[in-house]
Amino acid sequence: MTLIGWSFWGTIAAIIVIGFLFQKMFGTKSPIRTKNEVAEEEVKNHTSQCVHKD
């Protein structure tokens, strides 16, 4: 492999590793939902199962 190939694939590998480390350090947290939002979601889930297709 040429020097250009080594630098290209090395850069790609470094970007993947840096991205993985950033995700581990600063990963997204689960959203904080209010009781009202949770109750609304439960109602939507329950009522969507009761829809009859005739």
N, C-alpha and C. Protein backbone atom coordinates (compact mmCIF):
# COMPACT_ATOMS: atom_id res chain seq x y z
N MET A 1 0.85 -1.17 0.00
CA MET A 1 0.00 0.00 0.00
C MET A 1 0.91 1.24 0.00
N THR A 2 0.47 2.23 -0.70
CA THR A 2 1.28 3.44 -0.81
C THR A 2 1.12 4.32 0.42
N LEU A 3 1.90 5.36 0.46
CA LEU A 3 1.84 6.31 1.56
C LEU A 3 0.48 7.00 1.60
N ILE A 4 -0.09 7.26 0.43
CA ILE A 4 -1.41 7.90 0.36
C ILE A 4 -2.47 6.95 0.95
N GLY A 5 -2.37 5.69 0.63
CA GLY A 5 -3.31 4.70 1.17
C GLY A 5 -3.22 4.59 2.68
N TRP A 6 -2.00 4.54 3.19
CA TRP A 6 -1.82 4.46 4.64
C TRP A 6 -2.40 5.69 5.33
N SER A 7 -2.13 6.86 4.78
CA SER A 7 -2.65 8.07 5.42
C SER A 7 -4.17 8.15 5.30
N PHE A 8 -4.74 7.71 4.16
CA PHE A 8 -6.19 7.73 3.99
C PHE A 8 -6.87 6.80 4.98
N TRP A 9 -6.46 5.54 5.03
CA TRP A 9 -7.10 4.58 5.93
C TRP A 9 -6.78 4.87 7.39
N GLY A 10 -5.60 5.43 7.65
CA GLY A 10 -5.27 5.84 9.01
C GLY A 10 -6.16 6.97 9.49
N THR A 11 -6.45 7.91 8.59
CA THR A 11 -7.34 9.01 8.94
C THR A 11 -8.76 8.49 9.19
N ILE A 12 -9.23 7.58 8.35
CA ILE A 12 -10.57 6.99 8.54
C ILE A 12 -10.62 6.26 9.89
N ALA A 13 -9.62 5.47 10.20
CA ALA A 13 -9.60 4.74 11.46
C ALA A 13 -9.55 5.70 12.65
N ALA A 14 -8.78 6.75 12.54
CA ALA A 14 -8.69 7.73 13.63
C ALA A 14 -10.03 8.43 13.85
N ILE A 15 -10.74 8.78 12.78
CA ILE A 15 -12.04 9.42 12.91
C ILE A 15 -13.03 8.48 13.61
N ILE A 16 -13.01 7.21 13.26
CA ILE A 16 -13.91 6.23 13.89
C ILE A 16 -13.59 6.09 15.37
N VAL A 17 -12.32 5.99 15.71
CA VAL A 17 -11.92 5.85 17.11
C VAL A 17 -12.28 7.10 17.91
N ILE A 18 -12.01 8.26 17.36
CA ILE A 18 -12.33 9.51 18.05
C ILE A 18 -13.84 9.65 18.22
N GLY A 19 -14.60 9.30 17.20
CA GLY A 19 -16.06 9.34 17.31
C GLY A 19 -16.58 8.40 18.38
N PHE A 20 -16.02 7.21 18.46
CA PHE A 20 -16.42 6.24 19.48
C PHE A 20 -16.11 6.78 20.88
N LEU A 21 -14.93 7.37 21.06
CA LEU A 21 -14.56 7.91 22.37
C LEU A 21 -15.45 9.08 22.77
N PHE A 22 -15.76 9.97 21.82
CA PHE A 22 -16.65 11.09 22.12
C PHE A 22 -18.04 10.60 22.49
N GLN A 23 -18.52 9.56 21.81
CA GLN A 23 -19.85 9.02 22.13
C GLN A 23 -19.85 8.44 23.54
N LYS A 24 -18.78 7.77 23.93
CA LYS A 24 -18.70 7.21 25.28
C LYS A 24 -18.62 8.31 26.34
N MET A 25 -17.90 9.39 26.06
CA MET A 25 -17.73 10.46 27.04
C MET A 25 -18.94 11.38 27.11
N PHE A 26 -19.47 11.77 25.96
CA PHE A 26 -20.54 12.77 25.91
C PHE A 26 -21.82 12.22 25.31
N GLY A 27 -22.07 10.93 25.45
CA GLY A 27 -23.24 10.30 24.84
C GLY A 27 -24.54 10.93 25.27
N THR A 28 -25.55 10.78 24.45
CA THR A 28 -26.83 11.39 24.74
C THR A 28 -27.49 10.68 25.91
N LYS A 29 -28.15 11.45 26.73
CA LYS A 29 -28.88 10.91 27.87
C LYS A 29 -30.32 10.65 27.46
N SER A 30 -31.02 9.85 28.23
CA SER A 30 -32.42 9.63 27.93
C SER A 30 -33.20 10.90 28.24
N PRO A 31 -34.22 11.19 27.46
CA PRO A 31 -34.95 12.43 27.67
C PRO A 31 -35.73 12.42 28.99
N ILE A 32 -35.80 13.57 29.61
CA ILE A 32 -36.57 13.71 30.85
C ILE A 32 -37.99 14.08 30.46
N ARG A 33 -38.91 13.17 30.74
CA ARG A 33 -40.29 13.39 30.35
C ARG A 33 -41.14 13.64 31.60
N THR A 34 -42.11 14.51 31.44
CA THR A 34 -43.01 14.80 32.55
C THR A 34 -44.02 13.66 32.68
N LYS A 35 -44.69 13.63 33.83
CA LYS A 35 -45.71 12.60 34.04
C LYS A 35 -46.83 12.73 33.02
N ASN A 36 -47.14 13.97 32.64
CA ASN A 36 -48.19 14.20 31.65
C ASN A 36 -47.82 13.59 30.30
N GLU A 37 -46.57 13.74 29.88
CA GLU A 37 -46.12 13.17 28.61
C GLU A 37 -46.15 11.65 28.64
N VAL A 38 -45.74 11.06 29.77
CA VAL A 38 -45.75 9.61 29.90
C VAL A 38 -47.18 9.09 29.84
N ALA A 39 -48.10 9.76 30.55
CA ALA A 39 -49.50 9.33 30.56
C ALA A 39 -50.10 9.45 29.16
N GLU A 40 -49.78 10.52 28.46
CA GLU A 40 -50.30 10.71 27.11
C GLU A 40 -49.80 9.61 26.17
N GLU A 41 -48.53 9.24 26.30
CA GLU A 41 -47.98 8.17 25.47
C GLU A 41 -48.64 6.83 25.77
N GLU A 42 -48.90 6.56 27.05
CA GLU A 42 -49.57 5.31 27.41
C GLU A 42 -50.98 5.25 26.84
N VAL A 43 -51.69 6.37 26.87
CA VAL A 43 -53.04 6.41 26.30
C VAL A 43 -52.99 6.16 24.80
N LYS A 44 -52.03 6.78 24.12
CA LYS A 44 -51.89 6.57 22.67
C LYS A 44 -51.59 5.11 22.35
N ASN A 45 -50.69 4.49 23.13
CA ASN A 45 -50.35 3.09 22.89
C ASN A 45 -51.54 2.18 23.13
N HIS A 46 -52.30 2.46 24.16
CA HIS A 46 -53.43 1.60 24.50
C HIS A 46 -54.55 1.76 23.48
N THR A 47 -54.86 2.98 23.08
CA THR A 47 -55.96 3.20 22.15
C THR A 47 -55.63 2.76 20.74
N SER A 48 -54.36 2.77 20.36
CA SER A 48 -54.01 2.34 19.00
C SER A 48 -54.19 0.85 18.84
N GLN A 49 -54.17 0.07 19.93
CA GLN A 49 -54.35 -1.36 19.85
C GLN A 49 -55.83 -1.74 19.72
N CYS A 50 -56.72 -0.80 20.08
CA CYS A 50 -58.15 -1.09 20.09
C CYS A 50 -58.83 -0.70 18.78
N VAL A 51 -58.08 -0.24 17.80
CA VAL A 51 -58.68 0.17 16.54
C VAL A 51 -59.02 -1.09 15.75
N HIS A 52 -60.27 -1.17 15.30
CA HIS A 52 -60.71 -2.35 14.54
C HIS A 52 -60.72 -2.02 13.06
N LYS A 53 -60.23 -2.94 12.29
CA LYS A 53 -60.23 -2.76 10.82
C LYS A 53 -61.29 -3.68 10.26
N ASP A 54 -62.39 -3.10 9.80
CA ASP A 54 -63.48 -3.91 9.25
C ASP A 54 -63.41 -3.98 7.75
